[in-house]
Amino acid sequence: MHVPASQTSRGRLRRRLPLALALVAVVVLAVGGTTWSAAGAPPTTPVRISLDSVTSDVTAPGGTPSGAIPSVLVQIGGTVHLGVSFFDASGAPASFSKDTTLVVTSNKPGLTQLTGTALKGATSATLDVSFTQAANQVSLTVSVPGRAGTGITPGTSSPGQIFDVVSQLQFANSAPNTSFQKGIGGDNSQCANATSTNPVCGVVILPHGAQSSQVLLSLGLCDTTYAGCGSTRGVVVQTLADLSGLYTRTDPATLLMKCDKTLCGGGAIQNQQLSFSLNGNDALAPAPPCPAKGTVGPNQTACVDYVLSHRDNSGDTLLYLHFPNDMRGSVR
């Protein structure tokens, strides 16, 4: 019997259709199976720890110039938060197959809370540490201890994460065009007097106040290199605030540094030097003398006013450091 061509085409179409549908079903199942397998794959093993962030709970007053703010503001006993993450050999995020102990070490003494935990399956962790001693230029390292850490590169502070631990840190309320004077250190933590026990302290004098609602003051550690001190008995006084538009070279802000006679009692006043920095993370350098009373020179960022500087009735040395911006200072 002769079958018309049109019927033959329809017949072939009917025979091919189930096969096409079956192929589509196989492809869908295969894709679905691959996706499930990737999602359920065990995590890769970490070979490197990255120290991503080093922060604290203290922030500088609003409006403080960014360059003046230290990478971390923390005092003895304050908490430093470390954010770490883990990577495999290809650079992809990785995690441990079980809870794993992490150890924190430092290039400076006084570190506490030395361990933390990387949770099973987590590609990152947060560790909290603190210090029992003041220190300058602190660097931290996070590693996996013992045999478990073999082949795992530790995470270490980058240059931008290095910080100082100060001995005292306080905030004082301020307002623009309102005279501000506040001391830190010395005999009563207000720098009324420097003493043989606490021979160096500082008073921040802002005749026109600050634009920020607060001024931060701190005392840091003196050393002969980074802080530029001639004696470790001294301190680094730091002040942070928004002083924009309030001070000029002929009408500057002032840091009065008081030094007890047991440390600064000998020689001419001009032989007593101050070190300073306008950058919160830089080493301190000697301040030049001011060209005139109450005046910061045209090529100076800060200067010592030896006209105002003097010795008081008890023989203590009072040195006046003028500046138009936030700064840190120490007796050299």
Protein backbone atom coordinates (compact mmCIF):
# COMPACT_ATOMS: atom_id res chain seq x y z
CA MET A 1 0.00 0.00 0.00
CA HIS A 2 1.27 3.46 -0.88
CA VAL A 3 1.61 5.86 2.04
CA PRO A 4 1.44 9.60 1.25
CA ALA A 5 4.64 11.57 1.89
CA SER A 6 2.92 13.87 4.38
CA GLN A 7 1.89 10.94 6.50
CA THR A 8 5.42 9.53 6.39
CA SER A 9 6.87 12.81 7.73
CA ARG A 10 4.39 12.87 10.56
CA GLY A 11 5.20 9.30 11.40
CA ARG A 12 8.91 10.00 11.55
CA LEU A 13 8.27 13.04 13.72
CA ARG A 14 6.25 11.00 16.15
CA ARG A 15 9.00 8.40 16.39
CA ARG A 16 11.73 11.00 16.97
CA LEU A 17 9.97 13.13 19.57
CA PRO A 18 10.26 10.73 22.55
CA LEU A 19 13.97 10.37 21.84
CA ALA A 20 14.44 14.17 21.87
CA LEU A 21 12.57 14.49 25.13
CA ALA A 22 14.64 11.72 26.64
CA LEU A 23 17.87 13.48 25.65
CA VAL A 24 16.68 16.72 27.22
CA ALA A 25 15.84 14.86 30.42
CA VAL A 26 19.32 13.34 30.56
CA VAL A 27 20.98 16.74 30.10
CA VAL A 28 18.90 18.32 32.85
CA LEU A 29 19.72 15.53 35.27
CA ALA A 30 23.41 15.74 34.42
CA VAL A 31 23.54 19.51 35.06
CA GLY A 32 21.62 19.13 38.27
CA GLY A 33 23.93 16.38 39.44
CA THR A 34 27.03 18.48 38.73
CA THR A 35 25.70 21.48 40.66
CA TRP A 36 24.84 19.38 43.68
CA SER A 37 28.23 17.73 43.62
CA ALA A 38 30.04 21.15 43.62
CA ALA A 39 27.92 22.46 46.48
CA GLY A 40 28.54 19.37 48.54
CA ALA A 41 32.28 19.14 47.86
CA PRO A 42 34.52 19.21 50.90
CA PRO A 43 36.33 22.57 51.40
CA THR A 44 39.93 22.91 50.29
CA THR A 45 42.68 22.90 52.92
CA PRO A 46 44.17 26.27 53.95
CA VAL A 47 47.85 26.87 53.18
CA ARG A 48 47.92 30.60 54.01
CA ILE A 49 46.49 32.91 56.67
CA SER A 50 45.81 36.54 55.77
CA LEU A 51 45.69 39.22 58.49
CA ASP A 52 43.05 41.43 56.86
CA SER A 53 42.31 44.02 59.53
CA VAL A 54 43.61 45.33 62.86
CA THR A 55 41.13 47.63 64.63
CA SER A 56 40.05 48.82 68.08
CA ASP A 57 36.92 50.23 69.70
CA VAL A 58 38.36 53.78 69.95
CA THR A 59 37.87 56.29 67.13
CA ALA A 60 39.37 59.75 66.68
CA PRO A 61 37.17 62.84 67.09
CA GLY A 62 35.17 63.68 63.99
CA GLY A 63 36.96 65.86 61.49
CA THR A 64 40.48 64.89 62.61
CA PRO A 65 42.75 64.94 59.52
CA SER A 66 43.07 61.37 58.26
CA GLY A 67 46.87 61.47 58.19
CA ALA A 68 46.98 62.42 61.87
CA ILE A 69 44.98 59.38 62.99
CA PRO A 70 47.05 56.36 64.09
CA SER A 71 46.22 53.06 62.40
CA VAL A 72 44.89 51.80 65.76
CA LEU A 73 43.99 53.80 68.87
CA VAL A 74 44.32 51.57 71.92
CA GLN A 75 45.54 51.86 75.50
CA ILE A 76 46.76 49.26 77.97
CA GLY A 77 43.96 46.78 78.61
CA GLY A 78 41.98 47.86 75.54
CA THR A 79 40.88 45.32 72.94
CA VAL A 80 42.47 44.97 69.52
CA HIS A 81 40.35 43.08 66.97
CA LEU A 82 42.12 40.95 64.34
CA GLY A 83 40.23 39.90 61.21
CA VAL A 84 41.83 36.91 59.48
CA SER A 85 40.92 34.74 56.48
CA PHE A 86 42.21 31.48 55.02
CA PHE A 87 43.24 30.57 51.46
CA ASP A 88 44.27 27.43 49.58
CA ALA A 89 47.20 26.99 47.20
CA SER A 90 45.24 28.47 44.29
CA GLY A 91 44.32 31.60 46.28
CA ALA A 92 40.69 30.57 46.74
CA PRO A 93 39.01 30.86 50.17
CA ALA A 94 39.55 27.73 52.24
CA SER A 95 38.51 26.33 55.61
CA PHE A 96 39.61 23.76 58.16
CA SER A 97 37.89 20.38 58.42
CA LYS A 98 37.62 20.77 62.22
CA ASP A 99 37.79 23.54 64.81
CA THR A 100 41.42 24.70 64.78
CA THR A 101 43.38 26.71 67.35
CA LEU A 102 45.01 29.93 66.17
CA VAL A 103 47.89 31.55 68.07
CA VAL A 104 48.67 35.29 68.14
CA THR A 105 52.23 36.48 68.78
CA SER A 106 53.77 39.95 68.84
CA ASN A 107 57.11 41.65 68.41
CA LYS A 108 56.45 43.46 71.73
CA PRO A 109 55.88 42.15 75.28
CA GLY A 110 52.65 42.31 77.25
CA LEU A 111 50.31 40.55 74.81
CA THR A 112 47.37 38.71 76.41
CA GLN A 113 44.56 36.50 75.07
CA LEU A 114 47.01 34.63 72.89
CA THR A 115 44.70 32.12 71.21
CA GLY A 116 41.50 31.99 69.19
CA THR A 117 39.61 29.46 67.10
CA ALA A 118 39.01 28.97 63.41
CA LEU A 119 35.66 27.20 63.28
CA LYS A 120 35.16 24.13 61.11
CA GLY A 121 34.05 25.16 57.61
CA ALA A 122 34.62 28.90 58.17
CA THR A 123 36.85 30.81 55.75
CA SER A 124 37.50 33.67 58.20
CA ALA A 125 37.70 34.44 61.93
CA THR A 126 37.93 37.36 64.37
CA LEU A 127 40.42 37.26 67.25
CA ASP A 128 40.62 39.69 70.18
CA VAL A 129 43.87 40.54 72.00
CA SER A 130 45.05 43.15 74.49
CA PHE A 131 48.29 44.41 76.04
CA THR A 132 49.42 44.87 79.64
CA GLN A 133 52.28 47.21 78.70
CA ALA A 134 52.68 50.34 76.60
CA ALA A 135 54.60 49.75 73.37
CA ASN A 136 55.56 51.42 70.10
CA GLN A 137 55.41 49.94 66.61
CA VAL A 138 53.52 46.78 67.50
CA SER A 139 53.28 44.03 64.89
CA LEU A 140 51.16 40.87 65.22
CA THR A 141 51.33 37.39 63.68
CA VAL A 142 48.53 34.78 63.51
CA SER A 143 49.51 31.13 62.98
CA VAL A 144 48.43 27.53 63.53
CA PRO A 145 50.61 25.96 66.24
CA GLY A 146 52.45 22.63 66.21
CA ARG A 147 52.30 19.99 63.52
CA ALA A 148 48.83 21.12 62.50
CA GLY A 149 50.37 24.35 61.25
CA THR A 150 53.00 22.71 59.07
CA GLY A 151 52.80 24.15 55.58
CA ILE A 152 50.42 26.96 56.59
CA THR A 153 51.94 30.42 56.09
CA PRO A 154 51.15 32.71 59.06
CA GLY A 155 49.43 36.07 58.64
CA THR A 156 51.54 39.08 59.73
CA SER A 157 50.77 42.78 60.13
CA SER A 158 51.37 44.89 57.04
CA PRO A 159 53.20 48.23 57.47
CA GLY A 160 49.85 50.03 57.55
CA GLN A 161 48.63 47.83 60.43
CA ILE A 162 51.48 48.52 62.85
CA PHE A 163 50.33 50.49 65.91
CA ASP A 164 51.25 51.89 69.34
CA VAL A 165 49.77 50.91 72.70
CA VAL A 166 49.44 54.02 74.89
CA SER A 167 49.43 54.07 78.69
CA GLN A 168 46.61 56.63 79.02
CA LEU A 169 43.87 57.79 76.68
CA GLN A 170 41.05 60.22 77.42
CA PHE A 171 38.48 62.45 75.72
CA ALA A 172 37.53 65.98 76.76
CA ASN A 173 34.56 67.98 75.51
CA SER A 174 35.26 70.97 73.27
CA ALA A 175 33.54 73.54 71.08
CA PRO A 176 34.66 76.06 68.44
CA ASN A 177 35.58 79.54 69.68
CA THR A 178 35.52 78.34 73.29
CA SER A 179 38.87 78.30 75.09
CA PHE A 180 40.12 74.77 75.81
CA GLN A 181 42.92 73.69 78.15
CA LYS A 182 43.43 70.10 79.29
CA GLY A 183 46.39 68.22 80.75
CA ILE A 184 47.36 64.58 80.84
CA GLY A 185 49.97 62.77 82.95
CA GLY A 186 52.10 64.13 85.77
CA ASP A 187 51.12 64.04 89.42
CA ASN A 188 47.34 63.84 89.02
CA SER A 189 46.77 62.77 85.38
CA GLN A 190 45.95 66.45 84.65
CA CYS A 191 49.60 67.60 84.41
CA ALA A 192 49.29 70.15 87.20
CA ASN A 193 52.91 69.27 87.97
CA ALA A 194 55.58 66.98 86.59
CA THR A 195 57.19 64.85 89.32
CA SER A 196 60.27 62.69 89.75
CA THR A 197 58.00 59.64 89.42
CA ASN A 198 56.16 61.00 86.37
CA PRO A 199 58.71 63.47 85.02
CA VAL A 200 57.04 64.47 81.74
CA CYS A 201 53.43 65.48 81.07
CA GLY A 202 51.56 67.70 78.65
CA VAL A 203 48.85 70.38 78.55
CA VAL A 204 46.93 71.06 75.33
CA ILE A 205 46.08 74.76 74.99
CA LEU A 206 43.50 75.70 72.34
CA PRO A 207 42.53 79.38 72.73
CA HIS A 208 39.79 79.02 70.11
CA GLY A 209 38.72 75.50 71.06
CA ALA A 210 38.13 72.83 68.43
CA GLN A 211 35.58 72.26 65.68
CA SER A 212 35.08 68.71 66.94
CA SER A 213 32.90 68.07 69.98
CA GLN A 214 35.79 66.29 71.68
CA VAL A 215 39.58 66.40 71.89
CA LEU A 216 41.55 63.18 72.37
CA LEU A 217 44.65 63.18 74.57
CA SER A 218 46.98 60.23 75.17
CA LEU A 219 50.30 59.32 76.73
CA GLY A 220 52.61 57.00 74.84
CA LEU A 221 55.93 55.29 75.46
CA CYS A 222 59.22 57.17 75.09
CA ASP A 223 62.12 55.45 73.33
CA THR A 224 65.29 56.73 71.71
CA THR A 225 64.40 55.75 68.15
CA TYR A 226 60.76 55.94 67.10
CA ALA A 227 59.71 58.52 69.75
CA GLY A 228 62.94 60.50 69.53
CA CYS A 229 63.35 60.70 73.32
CA GLY A 230 66.64 61.11 75.12
CA SER A 231 65.28 59.12 78.06
CA THR A 232 62.74 56.33 78.41
CA ARG A 233 61.46 58.11 81.53
CA GLY A 234 59.55 60.56 79.37
CA VAL A 235 56.26 60.19 77.48
CA VAL A 236 54.77 60.97 74.08
CA VAL A 237 51.77 63.30 74.38
CA GLN A 238 49.25 63.05 71.55
CA THR A 239 46.27 65.25 70.81
CA LEU A 240 43.68 64.68 68.09
CA ALA A 241 40.84 67.03 67.12
CA ASP A 242 39.38 69.02 64.26
CA LEU A 243 41.15 72.39 64.37
CA SER A 244 40.27 73.45 60.83
CA GLY A 245 39.93 77.19 60.30
CA LEU A 246 40.67 78.11 63.92
CA TYR A 247 44.45 78.56 63.99
CA THR A 248 47.14 80.25 61.92
CA ARG A 249 50.92 80.54 62.02
CA THR A 250 50.66 83.76 64.04
CA ASP A 251 47.80 82.46 66.20
CA PRO A 252 48.68 78.78 66.75
CA ALA A 253 47.53 76.00 69.03
CA THR A 254 50.00 75.01 71.75
CA LEU A 255 51.21 71.93 73.56
CA LEU A 256 52.89 72.81 76.86
CA MET A 257 55.34 70.06 77.85
CA LYS A 258 56.37 70.03 81.51
CA CYS A 259 59.57 68.24 82.48
CA ASP A 260 60.65 67.62 86.08
CA LYS A 261 64.00 69.04 87.21
CA THR A 262 65.31 65.51 87.83
CA LEU A 263 65.18 64.94 84.06
CA CYS A 264 65.44 68.41 82.47
CA GLY A 265 67.00 70.53 85.21
CA GLY A 266 70.43 71.23 83.77
CA GLY A 267 71.74 73.62 81.13
CA ALA A 268 70.14 76.39 79.13
CA ILE A 269 66.49 76.18 78.10
CA GLN A 270 67.54 76.29 74.43
CA ASN A 271 69.38 73.00 74.95
CA GLN A 272 66.11 71.26 75.82
CA GLN A 273 64.49 69.93 72.67
CA LEU A 274 61.08 68.60 71.75
CA SER A 275 60.31 65.99 69.10
CA PHE A 276 57.01 65.97 67.22
CA SER A 277 55.03 64.47 64.35
CA LEU A 278 51.87 65.63 62.61
CA ASN A 279 51.32 62.12 61.24
CA GLY A 280 49.79 59.57 63.59
CA ASN A 281 52.02 56.72 62.41
CA ASP A 282 55.36 58.43 61.75
CA ALA A 283 58.43 58.55 63.97
CA LEU A 284 58.94 61.82 65.85
CA ALA A 285 61.60 64.29 64.70
CA PRO A 286 63.20 67.31 66.45
CA ALA A 287 61.14 70.52 66.37
CA PRO A 288 62.98 73.68 65.26
CA PRO A 289 62.88 76.91 67.27
CA CYS A 290 60.14 79.40 66.41
CA PRO A 291 61.29 82.52 64.56
CA ALA A 292 59.42 84.77 67.01
CA LYS A 293 57.23 84.56 70.08
CA GLY A 294 53.91 82.85 69.34
CA THR A 295 54.75 82.35 65.66
CA VAL A 296 55.20 79.26 63.50
CA GLY A 297 57.62 80.00 60.66
CA PRO A 298 56.52 79.94 56.99
CA ASN A 299 58.39 76.69 56.32
CA GLN A 300 57.61 75.07 59.68
CA THR A 301 54.82 72.67 60.65
CA ALA A 302 55.57 73.09 64.38
CA CYS A 303 58.19 74.87 66.45
CA VAL A 304 59.42 75.38 70.02
CA ASP A 305 58.85 78.87 71.41
CA TYR A 306 62.01 79.46 73.47
CA VAL A 307 60.85 83.00 74.31
CA LEU A 308 57.86 81.62 76.25
CA SER A 309 59.68 78.53 77.51
CA HIS A 310 61.14 78.85 81.03
CA ARG A 311 61.79 77.12 84.34
CA ASP A 312 59.24 77.54 87.10
CA ASN A 313 59.90 78.19 90.80
CA SER A 314 60.43 74.49 91.49
CA GLY A 315 63.05 74.18 88.77
CA ASP A 316 60.85 72.26 86.32
CA THR A 317 61.21 73.05 82.61
CA LEU A 318 58.19 74.30 80.66
CA LEU A 319 58.49 74.07 76.88
CA TYR A 320 55.90 75.52 74.49
CA LEU A 321 55.36 73.76 71.17
CA HIS A 322 53.21 75.72 68.68
CA PHE A 323 51.35 74.07 65.79
CA PRO A 324 48.39 74.77 63.50
CA ASN A 325 47.20 71.12 63.30
CA ASP A 326 46.89 67.94 65.41
CA MET A 327 50.19 66.53 66.61
CA ARG A 328 52.25 64.30 68.89
CA GLY A 329 55.17 65.56 70.97
CA SER A 330 57.85 64.37 73.37
CA VAL A 331 60.74 65.89 75.32
CA ARG A 332 63.92 64.98 73.49
